[in-house]
Amino acid sequence: MIKKVLILFVGIVILSSCGTNATDLNKPESFTKIKELALSKFGGDKEIYKFSIQTKDHLTSEVSYLNISYLEDKLDYGQMYFLSLNGKEKLEEPEKARDSFQKKFFLKNKQGKVKIKDLDFSIIAAKYDEGIGMISNEYESFTLHSWTYNVNNKGEITADFTIEGRKKGESTSMQGRNIVTNYYEFPFKMNVDKSIEAK
C-alpha cells in the first residue's frame, strides 16, 4: 500500500546547472565513483558511525561533499571531502566536535561503527527509486538531495534520505534577475531490514 507523503517544506531556490564532469546523485553509476572517493580520501578501514552525501543545492543532483563522523580515543570527530569547493576538490582536516558535545550524554548513542569499505552504496539508487514510487503523482522532476548512513550501537545500519521534487503545473517565475521555483521535500528512512518509510 502506498503511503501518502506529507509535504514538510516549501521554499524558493535559484536554479543552477550541473557541470559536465559533476558526480550526479540521480545516476546509479555515480555510486561506484562515490565509494571509490570515500575509500581513497577517508580510507576503507576507517570506522565510522555516520556517512553523509549532500548535493550542491535544492533540485540539483550534483554532489557537493561527503562527510564522515567517528569516534577516536573516545572523542567525536568529523571530516569532510568537498568534490568542488571554488572549483577545486578539497579534503578537510579532521575536526573535533566542540568540547560541550564530548560529554557522555552526547556520545552514548554514537558507539556503533562500521568500516567505510563495508557500506553498500549500490543500494542508494534502488531506495531512491522506491521512494519516488511512494510519492503522489502530483509531483515530478525528482532529485535525491541527500543520503545519510547511520550506525546504531549494535552496529546495525539505517539511513535517512531526502527526495525533492516539483508540483506539476507550478511554473518558475522571475524575481529580479533570478529564476525561482517552489520545491518540495520528501524525507524517508531506510530501516535495518532495508525497508523504507516516509518520515
C-alpha atoms as a PDB file:
ATOM      1  CA  MET A   1       0.000   0.000   0.000  1.00  0.00           C
ATOM      2  CA  ILE A   2       1.352   3.399  -0.996  1.00  0.00           C
ATOM      3  CA  LYS A   3       1.717   5.735   1.947  1.00  0.00           C
ATOM      4  CA  LYS A   4       0.700   9.349   1.454  1.00  0.00           C
ATOM      5  CA  VAL A   5       3.749  11.574   1.840  1.00  0.00           C
ATOM      6  CA  LEU A   6       3.181  14.898   3.531  1.00  0.00           C
ATOM      7  CA  ILE A   7       4.976  17.979   2.278  1.00  0.00           C
ATOM      8  CA  LEU A   8       7.134  19.179   5.136  1.00  0.00           C
ATOM      9  CA  PHE A   9       8.836  22.110   3.475  1.00  0.00           C
ATOM     10  CA  VAL A  10       8.153  24.560   0.687  1.00  0.00           C
ATOM     11  CA  GLY A  11      10.774  27.083  -0.335  1.00  0.00           C
ATOM     12  CA  ILE A  12      12.438  29.103  -3.015  1.00  0.00           C
ATOM     13  CA  VAL A  13      15.536  28.014  -4.887  1.00  0.00           C
ATOM     14  CA  ILE A  14      17.722  29.587  -7.531  1.00  0.00           C
ATOM     15  CA  LEU A  15      18.161  27.013 -10.271  1.00  0.00           C
ATOM     16  CA  SER A  16      21.702  26.201 -11.281  1.00  0.00           C
ATOM     17  CA  SER A  17      23.159  23.901 -13.897  1.00  0.00           C
ATOM     18  CA  CYS A  18      25.443  20.985 -13.183  1.00  0.00           C
ATOM     19  CA  GLY A  19      28.916  20.812 -14.648  1.00  0.00           C
ATOM     20  CA  THR A  20      29.557  18.158 -17.253  1.00  0.00           C
ATOM     21  CA  ASN A  21      32.039  16.317 -15.003  1.00  0.00           C
ATOM     22  CA  ALA A  22      29.849  16.524 -11.918  1.00  0.00           C
ATOM     23  CA  THR A  23      29.000  13.442  -9.866  1.00  0.00           C
ATOM     24  CA  ASP A  24      25.246  13.102 -10.331  1.00  0.00           C
ATOM     25  CA  LEU A  25      23.414  11.628  -7.350  1.00  0.00           C
ATOM     26  CA  ASN A  26      20.486  10.675  -9.607  1.00  0.00           C
ATOM     27  CA  LYS A  27      22.616   8.290 -11.689  1.00  0.00           C
ATOM     28  CA  PRO A  28      23.277   4.746 -10.384  1.00  0.00           C
ATOM     29  CA  GLU A  29      26.767   4.667 -11.919  1.00  0.00           C
ATOM     30  CA  SER A  30      27.813   7.601  -9.720  1.00  0.00           C
ATOM     31  CA  PHE A  31      27.772   5.471  -6.581  1.00  0.00           C
ATOM     32  CA  THR A  32      30.776   3.487  -7.770  1.00  0.00           C
ATOM     33  CA  LYS A  33      32.677   6.773  -8.039  1.00  0.00           C
ATOM     34  CA  ILE A  34      31.400   7.944  -4.655  1.00  0.00           C
ATOM     35  CA  LYS A  35      32.601   4.741  -2.991  1.00  0.00           C
ATOM     36  CA  GLU A  36      35.985   4.999  -4.714  1.00  0.00           C
ATOM     37  CA  LEU A  37      36.322   8.588  -3.486  1.00  0.00           C
ATOM     38  CA  ALA A  38      35.305   7.627   0.045  1.00  0.00           C
ATOM     39  CA  LEU A  39      37.839   4.787   0.143  1.00  0.00           C
ATOM     40  CA  SER A  40      40.670   6.891  -1.273  1.00  0.00           C
ATOM     41  CA  LYS A  41      40.019  10.046   0.771  1.00  0.00           C
ATOM     42  CA  PHE A  42      38.969   8.620   4.154  1.00  0.00           C
ATOM     43  CA  GLY A  43      40.362   5.069   3.979  1.00  0.00           C
ATOM     44  CA  GLY A  44      38.401   1.856   3.577  1.00  0.00           C
ATOM     45  CA  ASP A  45      39.184   0.632   7.093  1.00  0.00           C
ATOM     46  CA  LYS A  46      38.037   3.881   8.714  1.00  0.00           C
ATOM     47  CA  GLU A  47      35.383   3.006  11.298  1.00  0.00           C
ATOM     48  CA  ILE A  48      32.521   5.486  11.366  1.00  0.00           C
ATOM     49  CA  TYR A  49      29.070   5.878  12.893  1.00  0.00           C
ATOM     50  CA  LYS A  50      27.741   8.227  10.184  1.00  0.00           C
ATOM     51  CA  PHE A  51      28.372   8.855   6.493  1.00  0.00           C
ATOM     52  CA  SER A  52      26.591  11.625   4.571  1.00  0.00           C
ATOM     53  CA  ILE A  53      26.298  12.649   0.930  1.00  0.00           C
ATOM     54  CA  GLN A  54      24.942  16.115   0.111  1.00  0.00           C
ATOM     55  CA  THR A  55      24.179  17.878  -3.174  1.00  0.00           C
ATOM     56  CA  LYS A  56      25.168  21.456  -4.020  1.00  0.00           C
ATOM     57  CA  ASP A  57      21.701  22.981  -3.993  1.00  0.00           C
ATOM     58  CA  HIS A  58      17.998  22.209  -3.916  1.00  0.00           C
ATOM     59  CA  LEU A  59      16.568  20.492  -7.002  1.00  0.00           C
ATOM     60  CA  THR A  60      20.064  19.707  -8.253  1.00  0.00           C
ATOM     61  CA  SER A  61      21.755  16.321  -8.131  1.00  0.00           C
ATOM     62  CA  GLU A  62      25.397  17.407  -8.338  1.00  0.00           C
ATOM     63  CA  VAL A  63      27.221  16.075  -5.276  1.00  0.00           C
ATOM     64  CA  SER A  64      28.812  18.805  -3.179  1.00  0.00           C
ATOM     65  CA  TYR A  65      30.519  16.890  -0.354  1.00  0.00           C
ATOM     66  CA  LEU A  66      30.949  13.668   1.591  1.00  0.00           C
ATOM     67  CA  ASN A  67      31.048  13.820   5.380  1.00  0.00           C
ATOM     68  CA  ILE A  68      32.010  11.206   7.972  1.00  0.00           C
ATOM     69  CA  SER A  69      31.565  11.142  11.745  1.00  0.00           C
ATOM     70  CA  TYR A  70      33.541   8.833  14.004  1.00  0.00           C
ATOM     71  CA  LEU A  71      34.969   8.320  17.478  1.00  0.00           C
ATOM     72  CA  GLU A  72      38.702   8.297  18.081  1.00  0.00           C
ATOM     73  CA  ASP A  73      40.210   7.909  21.547  1.00  0.00           C
ATOM     74  CA  LYS A  74      36.622   8.266  22.857  1.00  0.00           C
ATOM     75  CA  LEU A  75      36.272  11.696  21.236  1.00  0.00           C
ATOM     76  CA  ASP A  76      33.840  12.692  18.498  1.00  0.00           C
ATOM     77  CA  TYR A  77      35.322  13.820  15.167  1.00  0.00           C
ATOM     78  CA  GLY A  78      34.077  14.751  11.723  1.00  0.00           C
ATOM     79  CA  GLN A  79      35.784  15.089   8.362  1.00  0.00           C
ATOM     80  CA  MET A  80      34.556  16.436   5.022  1.00  0.00           C
ATOM     81  CA  TYR A  81      35.623  15.918   1.447  1.00  0.00           C
ATOM     82  CA  PHE A  82      34.421  18.580  -0.993  1.00  0.00           C
ATOM     83  CA  LEU A  83      34.075  17.416  -4.573  1.00  0.00           C
ATOM     84  CA  SER A  84      34.019  21.036  -5.670  1.00  0.00           C
ATOM     85  CA  LEU A  85      34.979  23.965  -3.474  1.00  0.00           C
ATOM     86  CA  ASN A  86      35.652  27.100  -5.500  1.00  0.00           C
ATOM     87  CA  GLY A  87      36.232  24.824  -8.480  1.00  0.00           C
ATOM     88  CA  LYS A  88      38.685  22.541  -6.649  1.00  0.00           C
ATOM     89  CA  GLU A  89      38.459  19.284  -4.723  1.00  0.00           C
ATOM     90  CA  LYS A  90      39.455  19.514  -1.069  1.00  0.00           C
ATOM     91  CA  LEU A  91      39.814  17.084   1.825  1.00  0.00           C
ATOM     92  CA  GLU A  92      39.379  18.974   5.084  1.00  0.00           C
ATOM     93  CA  GLU A  93      41.437  18.076   8.127  1.00  0.00           C
ATOM     94  CA  PRO A  94      39.542  16.048  10.778  1.00  0.00           C
ATOM     95  CA  GLU A  95      37.724  18.360  13.159  1.00  0.00           C
ATOM     96  CA  LYS A  96      36.917  17.520  16.755  1.00  0.00           C
ATOM     97  CA  ALA A  97      33.408  18.353  17.890  1.00  0.00           C
ATOM     98  CA  ARG A  98      33.117  21.129  20.437  1.00  0.00           C
ATOM     99  CA  ASP A  99      34.005  20.146  23.993  1.00  0.00           C
ATOM    100  CA  SER A 100      30.408  20.616  25.107  1.00  0.00           C
ATOM    101  CA  PHE A 101      29.447  17.730  22.760  1.00  0.00           C
ATOM    102  CA  GLN A 102      32.163  15.391  24.027  1.00  0.00           C
ATOM    103  CA  LYS A 103      30.207  14.504  27.137  1.00  0.00           C
ATOM    104  CA  LYS A 104      28.759  11.054  27.842  1.00  0.00           C
ATOM    105  CA  PHE A 105      25.202  12.254  27.150  1.00  0.00           C
ATOM    106  CA  PHE A 106      26.046  13.083  23.518  1.00  0.00           C
ATOM    107  CA  LEU A 107      28.401  10.152  22.917  1.00  0.00           C
ATOM    108  CA  LYS A 108      26.236   7.361  24.335  1.00  0.00           C
ATOM    109  CA  ASN A 109      24.361   6.783  21.061  1.00  0.00           C
ATOM    110  CA  LYS A 110      27.456   7.041  18.851  1.00  0.00           C
ATOM    111  CA  GLN A 111      29.156   3.813  19.898  1.00  0.00           C
ATOM    112  CA  GLY A 112      28.309   1.801  16.797  1.00  0.00           C
ATOM    113  CA  LYS A 113      30.797   1.584  13.974  1.00  0.00           C
ATOM    114  CA  VAL A 114      31.246   0.160  10.513  1.00  0.00           C
ATOM    115  CA  LYS A 115      34.163   0.288   8.108  1.00  0.00           C
ATOM    116  CA  ILE A 116      33.593   2.529   5.100  1.00  0.00           C
ATOM    117  CA  LYS A 117      34.513  -0.327   2.744  1.00  0.00           C
ATOM    118  CA  ASP A 118      31.579  -2.337   4.148  1.00  0.00           C
ATOM    119  CA  LEU A 119      28.916   0.259   3.280  1.00  0.00           C
ATOM    120  CA  ASP A 120      26.667  -0.782   0.395  1.00  0.00           C
ATOM    121  CA  PHE A 121      26.498   2.286  -1.857  1.00  0.00           C
ATOM    122  CA  SER A 122      24.777   0.326  -4.622  1.00  0.00           C
ATOM    123  CA  ILE A 123      21.544   0.219  -2.626  1.00  0.00           C
ATOM    124  CA  ILE A 124      21.078   4.001  -2.711  1.00  0.00           C
ATOM    125  CA  ALA A 125      19.761   4.160  -6.276  1.00  0.00           C
ATOM    126  CA  ALA A 126      17.238   1.381  -5.602  1.00  0.00           C
ATOM    127  CA  LYS A 127      15.905   3.065  -2.462  1.00  0.00           C
ATOM    128  CA  TYR A 128      15.683   6.392  -4.279  1.00  0.00           C
ATOM    129  CA  ASP A 129      13.527   4.761  -6.963  1.00  0.00           C
ATOM    130  CA  GLU A 130      11.454   3.043  -4.289  1.00  0.00           C
ATOM    131  CA  GLY A 131      10.892   6.362  -2.536  1.00  0.00           C
ATOM    132  CA  ILE A 132       9.754   8.047  -5.750  1.00  0.00           C
ATOM    133  CA  GLY A 133       7.174   5.288  -6.118  1.00  0.00           C
ATOM    134  CA  MET A 134       5.674   6.296  -2.763  1.00  0.00           C
ATOM    135  CA  ILE A 135       5.237   9.962  -3.703  1.00  0.00           C
ATOM    136  CA  SER A 136       1.935  11.260  -5.065  1.00  0.00           C
ATOM    137  CA  ASN A 137       1.767  11.626  -8.837  1.00  0.00           C
ATOM    138  CA  GLU A 138       1.027  15.317  -8.250  1.00  0.00           C
ATOM    139  CA  TYR A 139       4.805  15.772  -8.204  1.00  0.00           C
ATOM    140  CA  GLU A 140       7.590  15.359 -10.763  1.00  0.00           C
ATOM    141  CA  SER A 141      11.204  16.266 -11.622  1.00  0.00           C
ATOM    142  CA  PHE A 142      12.625  14.399  -8.637  1.00  0.00           C
ATOM    143  CA  THR A 143      16.184  14.633  -7.347  1.00  0.00           C
ATOM    144  CA  LEU A 144      17.929  12.837  -4.499  1.00  0.00           C
ATOM    145  CA  HIS A 145      19.088  15.740  -2.343  1.00  0.00           C
ATOM    146  CA  SER A 146      20.863  13.898   0.489  1.00  0.00           C
ATOM    147  CA  TRP A 147      21.644  10.452   1.888  1.00  0.00           C
ATOM    148  CA  THR A 148      22.987   9.642   5.357  1.00  0.00           C
ATOM    149  CA  TYR A 149      24.011   6.230   6.685  1.00  0.00           C
ATOM    150  CA  ASN A 150      23.639   5.868  10.459  1.00  0.00           C
ATOM    151  CA  VAL A 151      25.140   3.078  12.564  1.00  0.00           C
ATOM    152  CA  ASN A 152      23.477   2.296  15.893  1.00  0.00           C
ATOM    153  CA  ASN A 153      25.221   0.936  18.980  1.00  0.00           C
ATOM    154  CA  LYS A 154      24.580  -2.632  17.806  1.00  0.00           C
ATOM    155  CA  GLY A 155      26.392  -1.942  14.547  1.00  0.00           C
ATOM    156  CA  GLU A 156      23.132  -2.016  12.572  1.00  0.00           C
ATOM    157  CA  ILE A 157      22.904   0.300   9.568  1.00  0.00           C
ATOM    158  CA  THR A 158      19.962   2.536   8.744  1.00  0.00           C
ATOM    159  CA  ALA A 159      19.719   5.572   6.501  1.00  0.00           C
ATOM    160  CA  ASP A 160      17.877   8.860   6.183  1.00  0.00           C
ATOM    161  CA  PHE A 161      17.384  10.405   2.759  1.00  0.00           C
ATOM    162  CA  THR A 162      15.519  13.298   1.201  1.00  0.00           C
ATOM    163  CA  ILE A 163      13.955  13.435  -2.240  1.00  0.00           C
ATOM    164  CA  GLU A 164      12.989  16.803  -3.671  1.00  0.00           C
ATOM    165  CA  GLY A 165      10.526  17.492  -6.450  1.00  0.00           C
ATOM    166  CA  ARG A 166       8.272  19.998  -8.114  1.00  0.00           C
ATOM    167  CA  LYS A 167       4.492  20.101  -8.188  1.00  0.00           C
ATOM    168  CA  LYS A 168       3.019  19.516 -11.618  1.00  0.00           C
ATOM    169  CA  GLY A 169       1.620  22.681 -13.135  1.00  0.00           C
ATOM    170  CA  GLU A 170       3.669  25.061 -10.984  1.00  0.00           C
ATOM    171  CA  SER A 171       5.851  27.213 -13.163  1.00  0.00           C
ATOM    172  CA  THR A 172       9.036  29.082 -12.447  1.00  0.00           C
ATOM    173  CA  SER A 173       8.992  32.849 -12.094  1.00  0.00           C
ATOM    174  CA  MET A 174      11.403  35.739 -12.263  1.00  0.00           C
ATOM    175  CA  GLN A 175      12.420  37.746  -9.218  1.00  0.00           C
ATOM    176  CA  GLY A 176      14.809  40.404 -10.374  1.00  0.00           C
ATOM    177  CA  ARG A 177      17.404  38.577 -12.471  1.00  0.00           C
ATOM    178  CA  ASN A 178      16.862  35.248 -10.734  1.00  0.00           C
ATOM    179  CA  ILE A 179      14.753  32.324 -11.928  1.00  0.00           C
ATOM    180  CA  VAL A 180      12.964  30.841  -8.908  1.00  0.00           C
ATOM    181  CA  THR A 181      10.705  27.865  -8.295  1.00  0.00           C
ATOM    182  CA  ASN A 182       8.942  26.169  -5.406  1.00  0.00           C
ATOM    183  CA  TYR A 183      10.395  22.849  -4.285  1.00  0.00           C
ATOM    184  CA  TYR A 184       9.001  20.152  -2.033  1.00  0.00           C
ATOM    185  CA  GLU A 185      10.938  17.860   0.318  1.00  0.00           C
ATOM    186  CA  PHE A 186      10.002  14.224   0.905  1.00  0.00           C
ATOM    187  CA  PRO A 187      12.053  12.712   3.767  1.00  0.00           C
ATOM    188  CA  PHE A 188      12.411   8.932   4.116  1.00  0.00           C
ATOM    189  CA  LYS A 189      14.063   6.431   6.410  1.00  0.00           C
ATOM    190  CA  MET A 190      15.627   3.097   5.462  1.00  0.00           C
ATOM    191  CA  ASN A 191      15.254   0.626   8.320  1.00  0.00           C
ATOM    192  CA  VAL A 192      17.675  -2.101   9.396  1.00  0.00           C
ATOM    193  CA  ASP A 193      15.830  -4.615   7.178  1.00  0.00           C
ATOM    194  CA  LYS A 194      16.265  -2.207   4.220  1.00  0.00           C
ATOM    195  CA  SER A 195      12.542  -1.414   4.060  1.00  0.00           C
ATOM    196  CA  ILE A 196      11.773   2.275   3.683  1.00  0.00           C
ATOM    197  CA  GLU A 197       9.116   4.526   5.151  1.00  0.00           C
ATOM    198  CA  ALA A 198       8.129   8.163   4.831  1.00  0.00           C
ATOM    199  CA  LYS A 199       9.128  10.251   7.820  1.00  0.00           C
END
